[in-house]
Amino acid sequence: MKTYPSDIRQEQYKQIARILETARKRTKPRKLELYAVFNAVLYVMKTGCQWRALPSEYPKWRSVHRYFQIWSKAREGESATILEVVLKKIGQPGTYGKWKKTQDIFYHR
């Protein structure tokens, strides 16, 4: 699989994998590799591309977007989203905030 500058290393992913996995109830076996999904989310946040414009090396955009929606919600009783927590843990705390700020400017003019 082709790699992109926005991708994280496997070692970094191992630090956050458990947090990402617990965000969704396991009703059936997972078919997607969350490492690829997370890297796709990072790609969108760092490049600003449209969801539908995700490179074909990543999972389908609808799946990636669905996980993004799940990870963008704060857990009950917490103020930070799962994305904010894992990005902070891997040393990229500003990524989500910068992306969110650009989205607010773009959509709320």
N, C-alpha and C. Protein backbone atom coordinates (compact mmCIF):
# COMPACT_ATOMS: atom_id res chain seq x y z
N MET A 1 0.84 -1.18 0.00
CA MET A 1 0.00 0.00 0.00
C MET A 1 0.88 1.25 0.00
N LYS A 2 0.50 2.22 -0.78
CA LYS A 2 1.23 3.48 -0.85
C LYS A 2 1.06 4.22 0.47
N THR A 3 2.10 4.91 0.90
CA THR A 3 2.00 5.68 2.14
C THR A 3 2.00 7.17 1.81
N TYR A 4 1.46 7.95 2.72
CA TYR A 4 1.36 9.39 2.55
C TYR A 4 1.98 10.07 3.76
N PRO A 5 2.43 11.32 3.61
CA PRO A 5 3.05 12.03 4.74
C PRO A 5 2.14 12.15 5.96
N SER A 6 0.84 12.09 5.77
CA SER A 6 -0.09 12.19 6.90
C SER A 6 -0.20 10.89 7.69
N ASP A 7 0.25 9.78 7.13
CA ASP A 7 0.14 8.48 7.80
C ASP A 7 1.00 8.43 9.06
N ILE A 8 0.51 7.69 10.04
CA ILE A 8 1.31 7.47 11.25
C ILE A 8 1.97 6.10 11.16
N ARG A 9 3.00 5.90 11.98
CA ARG A 9 3.70 4.62 12.01
C ARG A 9 2.90 3.61 12.82
N GLN A 10 3.16 2.33 12.58
CA GLN A 10 2.48 1.26 13.32
C GLN A 10 2.71 1.40 14.83
N GLU A 11 3.91 1.83 15.23
CA GLU A 11 4.22 1.98 16.65
C GLU A 11 3.30 3.02 17.29
N GLN A 12 3.06 4.12 16.56
CA GLN A 12 2.16 5.14 17.07
C GLN A 12 0.73 4.60 17.16
N TYR A 13 0.34 3.85 16.15
CA TYR A 13 -1.02 3.30 16.13
C TYR A 13 -1.25 2.35 17.30
N LYS A 14 -0.24 1.57 17.65
CA LYS A 14 -0.38 0.63 18.76
C LYS A 14 -0.71 1.35 20.06
N GLN A 15 -0.27 2.60 20.20
CA GLN A 15 -0.55 3.38 21.41
C GLN A 15 -2.03 3.78 21.51
N ILE A 16 -2.70 3.89 20.37
CA ILE A 16 -4.07 4.40 20.35
C ILE A 16 -5.11 3.38 19.89
N ALA A 17 -4.67 2.23 19.44
CA ALA A 17 -5.58 1.24 18.86
C ALA A 17 -6.73 0.88 19.79
N ARG A 18 -6.43 0.65 21.02
CA ARG A 18 -7.47 0.24 21.99
C ARG A 18 -8.55 1.31 22.14
N ILE A 19 -8.13 2.57 22.16
CA ILE A 19 -9.10 3.66 22.30
C ILE A 19 -10.02 3.70 21.09
N LEU A 20 -9.44 3.59 19.90
CA LEU A 20 -10.24 3.63 18.67
C LEU A 20 -11.19 2.43 18.58
N GLU A 21 -10.72 1.28 18.98
CA GLU A 21 -11.53 0.06 18.90
C GLU A 21 -12.73 0.11 19.84
N THR A 22 -12.59 0.75 20.98
CA THR A 22 -13.68 0.77 21.96
C THR A 22 -14.76 1.80 21.63
N ALA A 23 -14.55 2.59 20.60
CA ALA A 23 -15.51 3.64 20.26
C ALA A 23 -16.79 3.07 19.65
N ARG A 24 -16.71 1.87 19.12
CA ARG A 24 -17.86 1.27 18.44
C ARG A 24 -18.18 -0.07 19.09
N LYS A 25 -19.45 -0.31 19.30
CA LYS A 25 -19.85 -1.61 19.86
C LYS A 25 -19.55 -2.70 18.85
N ARG A 26 -19.05 -3.80 19.31
CA ARG A 26 -18.73 -4.91 18.43
C ARG A 26 -19.92 -5.85 18.35
N THR A 27 -20.71 -5.67 17.31
CA THR A 27 -21.86 -6.55 17.12
C THR A 27 -21.52 -7.67 16.15
N LYS A 28 -20.52 -7.43 15.32
CA LYS A 28 -20.05 -8.45 14.38
C LYS A 28 -18.57 -8.19 14.12
N PRO A 29 -17.87 -9.16 13.58
CA PRO A 29 -16.42 -8.96 13.35
C PRO A 29 -16.14 -7.76 12.44
N ARG A 30 -15.12 -7.03 12.78
CA ARG A 30 -14.72 -5.86 12.01
C ARG A 30 -14.08 -6.30 10.69
N LYS A 31 -14.49 -5.70 9.59
CA LYS A 31 -13.94 -6.06 8.28
C LYS A 31 -12.84 -5.12 7.83
N LEU A 32 -12.82 -3.93 8.40
CA LEU A 32 -11.83 -2.93 8.01
C LEU A 32 -10.67 -2.91 8.99
N GLU A 33 -9.50 -2.62 8.48
CA GLU A 33 -8.33 -2.44 9.33
C GLU A 33 -8.36 -0.99 9.83
N LEU A 34 -8.49 -0.81 11.14
CA LEU A 34 -8.63 0.53 11.70
C LEU A 34 -7.38 1.39 11.48
N TYR A 35 -6.24 0.77 11.33
CA TYR A 35 -5.01 1.52 11.03
C TYR A 35 -5.18 2.28 9.72
N ALA A 36 -5.71 1.62 8.70
CA ALA A 36 -5.94 2.25 7.40
C ALA A 36 -7.03 3.31 7.49
N VAL A 37 -8.07 3.04 8.26
CA VAL A 37 -9.16 4.00 8.43
C VAL A 37 -8.64 5.25 9.12
N PHE A 38 -7.87 5.08 10.19
CA PHE A 38 -7.35 6.23 10.92
C PHE A 38 -6.42 7.06 10.04
N ASN A 39 -5.57 6.40 9.27
CA ASN A 39 -4.68 7.13 8.36
C ASN A 39 -5.48 7.89 7.31
N ALA A 40 -6.59 7.33 6.86
CA ALA A 40 -7.45 8.03 5.90
C ALA A 40 -8.06 9.28 6.53
N VAL A 41 -8.48 9.17 7.78
CA VAL A 41 -9.02 10.33 8.49
C VAL A 41 -7.95 11.41 8.60
N LEU A 42 -6.73 11.01 8.95
CA LEU A 42 -5.63 11.98 9.04
C LEU A 42 -5.37 12.64 7.69
N TYR A 43 -5.45 11.86 6.63
CA TYR A 43 -5.24 12.39 5.29
C TYR A 43 -6.24 13.50 4.98
N VAL A 44 -7.51 13.25 5.27
CA VAL A 44 -8.54 14.26 5.01
C VAL A 44 -8.31 15.50 5.86
N MET A 45 -7.98 15.31 7.13
CA MET A 45 -7.79 16.46 8.01
C MET A 45 -6.56 17.28 7.63
N LYS A 46 -5.51 16.62 7.18
CA LYS A 46 -4.28 17.35 6.86
C LYS A 46 -4.29 17.96 5.46
N THR A 47 -4.94 17.30 4.51
CA THR A 47 -4.95 17.83 3.14
C THR A 47 -6.17 18.69 2.85
N GLY A 48 -7.24 18.47 3.61
CA GLY A 48 -8.46 19.22 3.36
C GLY A 48 -9.24 18.71 2.15
N CYS A 49 -8.90 17.51 1.68
CA CYS A 49 -9.60 16.98 0.50
C CYS A 49 -11.03 16.59 0.87
N GLN A 50 -11.85 16.45 -0.13
CA GLN A 50 -13.22 16.00 0.09
C GLN A 50 -13.19 14.51 0.41
N TRP A 51 -14.18 14.06 1.15
CA TRP A 51 -14.24 12.65 1.53
C TRP A 51 -14.21 11.76 0.29
N ARG A 52 -14.94 12.14 -0.71
CA ARG A 52 -15.02 11.32 -1.92
C ARG A 52 -13.72 11.30 -2.71
N ALA A 53 -12.82 12.21 -2.40
CA ALA A 53 -11.54 12.30 -3.11
C ALA A 53 -10.41 11.54 -2.42
N LEU A 54 -10.76 10.71 -1.44
CA LEU A 54 -9.73 9.91 -0.77
C LEU A 54 -9.02 9.01 -1.78
N PRO A 55 -7.70 8.91 -1.69
CA PRO A 55 -6.99 8.00 -2.60
C PRO A 55 -7.49 6.56 -2.45
N SER A 56 -7.41 5.82 -3.51
CA SER A 56 -7.95 4.45 -3.52
C SER A 56 -7.19 3.49 -2.61
N GLU A 57 -6.03 3.87 -2.13
CA GLU A 57 -5.29 3.01 -1.20
C GLU A 57 -5.99 2.89 0.15
N TYR A 58 -6.81 3.86 0.46
CA TYR A 58 -7.54 3.85 1.73
C TYR A 58 -8.87 3.11 1.56
N PRO A 59 -9.51 2.75 2.67
CA PRO A 59 -10.84 2.13 2.58
C PRO A 59 -11.83 3.10 1.91
N LYS A 60 -13.00 2.61 1.58
CA LYS A 60 -14.01 3.43 0.92
C LYS A 60 -14.35 4.65 1.78
N TRP A 61 -14.58 5.75 1.10
CA TRP A 61 -14.78 7.02 1.81
C TRP A 61 -15.96 6.98 2.76
N ARG A 62 -17.03 6.28 2.42
CA ARG A 62 -18.20 6.23 3.30
C ARG A 62 -17.86 5.56 4.64
N SER A 63 -17.06 4.52 4.57
CA SER A 63 -16.64 3.82 5.80
C SER A 63 -15.75 4.72 6.64
N VAL A 64 -14.82 5.38 5.99
CA VAL A 64 -13.90 6.28 6.69
C VAL A 64 -14.69 7.41 7.34
N HIS A 65 -15.63 7.98 6.60
CA HIS A 65 -16.43 9.08 7.13
C HIS A 65 -17.28 8.62 8.32
N ARG A 66 -17.80 7.43 8.25
CA ARG A 66 -18.61 6.91 9.36
C ARG A 66 -17.77 6.78 10.64
N TYR A 67 -16.57 6.24 10.49
CA TYR A 67 -15.69 6.16 11.66
C TYR A 67 -15.32 7.55 12.16
N PHE A 68 -15.10 8.48 11.25
CA PHE A 68 -14.80 9.85 11.64
C PHE A 68 -15.93 10.42 12.48
N GLN A 69 -17.17 10.16 12.08
CA GLN A 69 -18.32 10.65 12.84
C GLN A 69 -18.35 10.04 14.25
N ILE A 70 -18.06 8.76 14.33
CA ILE A 70 -18.05 8.09 15.64
C ILE A 70 -16.94 8.66 16.51
N TRP A 71 -15.75 8.81 15.94
CA TRP A 71 -14.60 9.29 16.70
C TRP A 71 -14.70 10.78 17.02
N SER A 72 -15.55 11.52 16.34
CA SER A 72 -15.69 12.97 16.56
C SER A 72 -16.68 13.31 17.66
N LYS A 73 -17.34 12.31 18.20
CA LYS A 73 -18.29 12.55 19.28
C LYS A 73 -17.60 12.35 20.62
N ALA A 74 -17.90 13.25 21.53
CA ALA A 74 -17.34 13.10 22.88
C ALA A 74 -18.09 11.97 23.59
N ARG A 75 -17.37 11.20 24.35
CA ARG A 75 -18.01 10.16 25.14
C ARG A 75 -18.81 10.79 26.25
N GLU A 76 -19.76 10.05 26.76
CA GLU A 76 -20.60 10.56 27.83
C GLU A 76 -19.75 10.94 29.03
N GLY A 77 -19.97 12.14 29.52
CA GLY A 77 -19.25 12.61 30.69
C GLY A 77 -17.87 13.17 30.39
N GLU A 78 -17.48 13.21 29.14
CA GLU A 78 -16.17 13.76 28.75
C GLU A 78 -16.37 14.90 27.77
N SER A 79 -15.45 15.85 27.80
CA SER A 79 -15.58 16.99 26.90
C SER A 79 -14.78 16.79 25.61
N ALA A 80 -13.71 16.01 25.67
CA ALA A 80 -12.87 15.78 24.49
C ALA A 80 -13.41 14.63 23.65
N THR A 81 -13.27 14.76 22.35
CA THR A 81 -13.67 13.68 21.45
C THR A 81 -12.59 12.60 21.44
N ILE A 82 -12.93 11.46 20.92
CA ILE A 82 -11.96 10.37 20.82
C ILE A 82 -10.80 10.80 19.92
N LEU A 83 -11.12 11.50 18.84
CA LEU A 83 -10.06 11.98 17.94
C LEU A 83 -9.10 12.90 18.68
N GLU A 84 -9.62 13.82 19.46
CA GLU A 84 -8.75 14.73 20.21
C GLU A 84 -7.85 13.97 21.17
N VAL A 85 -8.40 12.96 21.82
CA VAL A 85 -7.63 12.17 22.79
C VAL A 85 -6.50 11.41 22.09
N VAL A 86 -6.81 10.73 20.98
CA VAL A 86 -5.77 9.92 20.33
C VAL A 86 -4.74 10.80 19.63
N LEU A 87 -5.15 11.92 19.07
CA LEU A 87 -4.18 12.81 18.43
C LEU A 87 -3.22 13.40 19.45
N LYS A 88 -3.73 13.70 20.62
CA LYS A 88 -2.86 14.20 21.70
C LYS A 88 -1.87 13.12 22.12
N LYS A 89 -2.36 11.89 22.19
CA LYS A 89 -1.53 10.78 22.63
C LYS A 89 -0.37 10.49 21.66
N ILE A 90 -0.59 10.72 20.35
CA ILE A 90 0.47 10.47 19.37
C ILE A 90 1.26 11.73 19.02
N GLY A 91 0.97 12.82 19.73
CA GLY A 91 1.76 14.03 19.55
C GLY A 91 1.29 14.95 18.44
N GLN A 92 0.02 14.88 18.09
CA GLN A 92 -0.55 15.75 17.06
C GLN A 92 -1.81 16.44 17.59
N PRO A 93 -1.71 17.10 18.73
CA PRO A 93 -2.91 17.64 19.36
C PRO A 93 -3.63 18.73 18.57
N GLY A 94 -2.93 19.46 17.73
CA GLY A 94 -3.55 20.56 17.01
C GLY A 94 -4.23 20.18 15.71
N THR A 95 -4.03 18.96 15.25
CA THR A 95 -4.55 18.54 13.94
C THR A 95 -6.06 18.68 13.85
N TYR A 96 -6.78 18.15 14.81
CA TYR A 96 -8.25 18.19 14.78
C TYR A 96 -8.75 19.62 14.94
N GLY A 97 -8.14 20.37 15.83
CA GLY A 97 -8.56 21.76 16.05
C GLY A 97 -8.39 22.62 14.81
N LYS A 98 -7.24 22.46 14.13
CA LYS A 98 -7.01 23.22 12.90
C LYS A 98 -8.02 22.83 11.83
N TRP A 99 -8.26 21.54 11.70
CA TRP A 99 -9.22 21.07 10.69
C TRP A 99 -10.61 21.60 11.00
N LYS A 100 -11.00 21.51 12.25
CA LYS A 100 -12.33 21.96 12.65
C LYS A 100 -12.49 23.46 12.39
N LYS A 101 -11.45 24.23 12.68
CA LYS A 101 -11.50 25.67 12.46
C LYS A 101 -11.69 26.00 10.98
N THR A 102 -10.99 25.28 10.09
CA THR A 102 -11.14 25.54 8.66
C THR A 102 -12.53 25.13 8.18
N GLN A 103 -13.09 24.08 8.75
CA GLN A 103 -14.44 23.66 8.38
C GLN A 103 -15.47 24.69 8.81
N ASP A 104 -15.28 25.26 10.01
CA ASP A 104 -16.20 26.28 10.50
C ASP A 104 -16.18 27.51 9.59
N ILE A 105 -15.00 27.92 9.16
CA ILE A 105 -14.87 29.07 8.27
C ILE A 105 -15.54 28.77 6.93
N PHE A 106 -15.29 27.59 6.40
CA PHE A 106 -15.80 27.23 5.09
C PHE A 106 -17.33 27.10 5.08
N TYR A 107 -17.89 26.48 6.09
CA TYR A 107 -19.32 26.19 6.09
C TYR A 107 -20.20 27.25 6.75
N HIS A 108 -19.62 28.16 7.52
CA HIS A 108 -20.43 29.12 8.25
C HIS A 108 -20.14 30.55 7.82
N ARG A 109 -19.97 30.78 6.56
CA ARG A 109 -19.74 32.14 6.06
C ARG A 109 -21.02 32.89 5.95
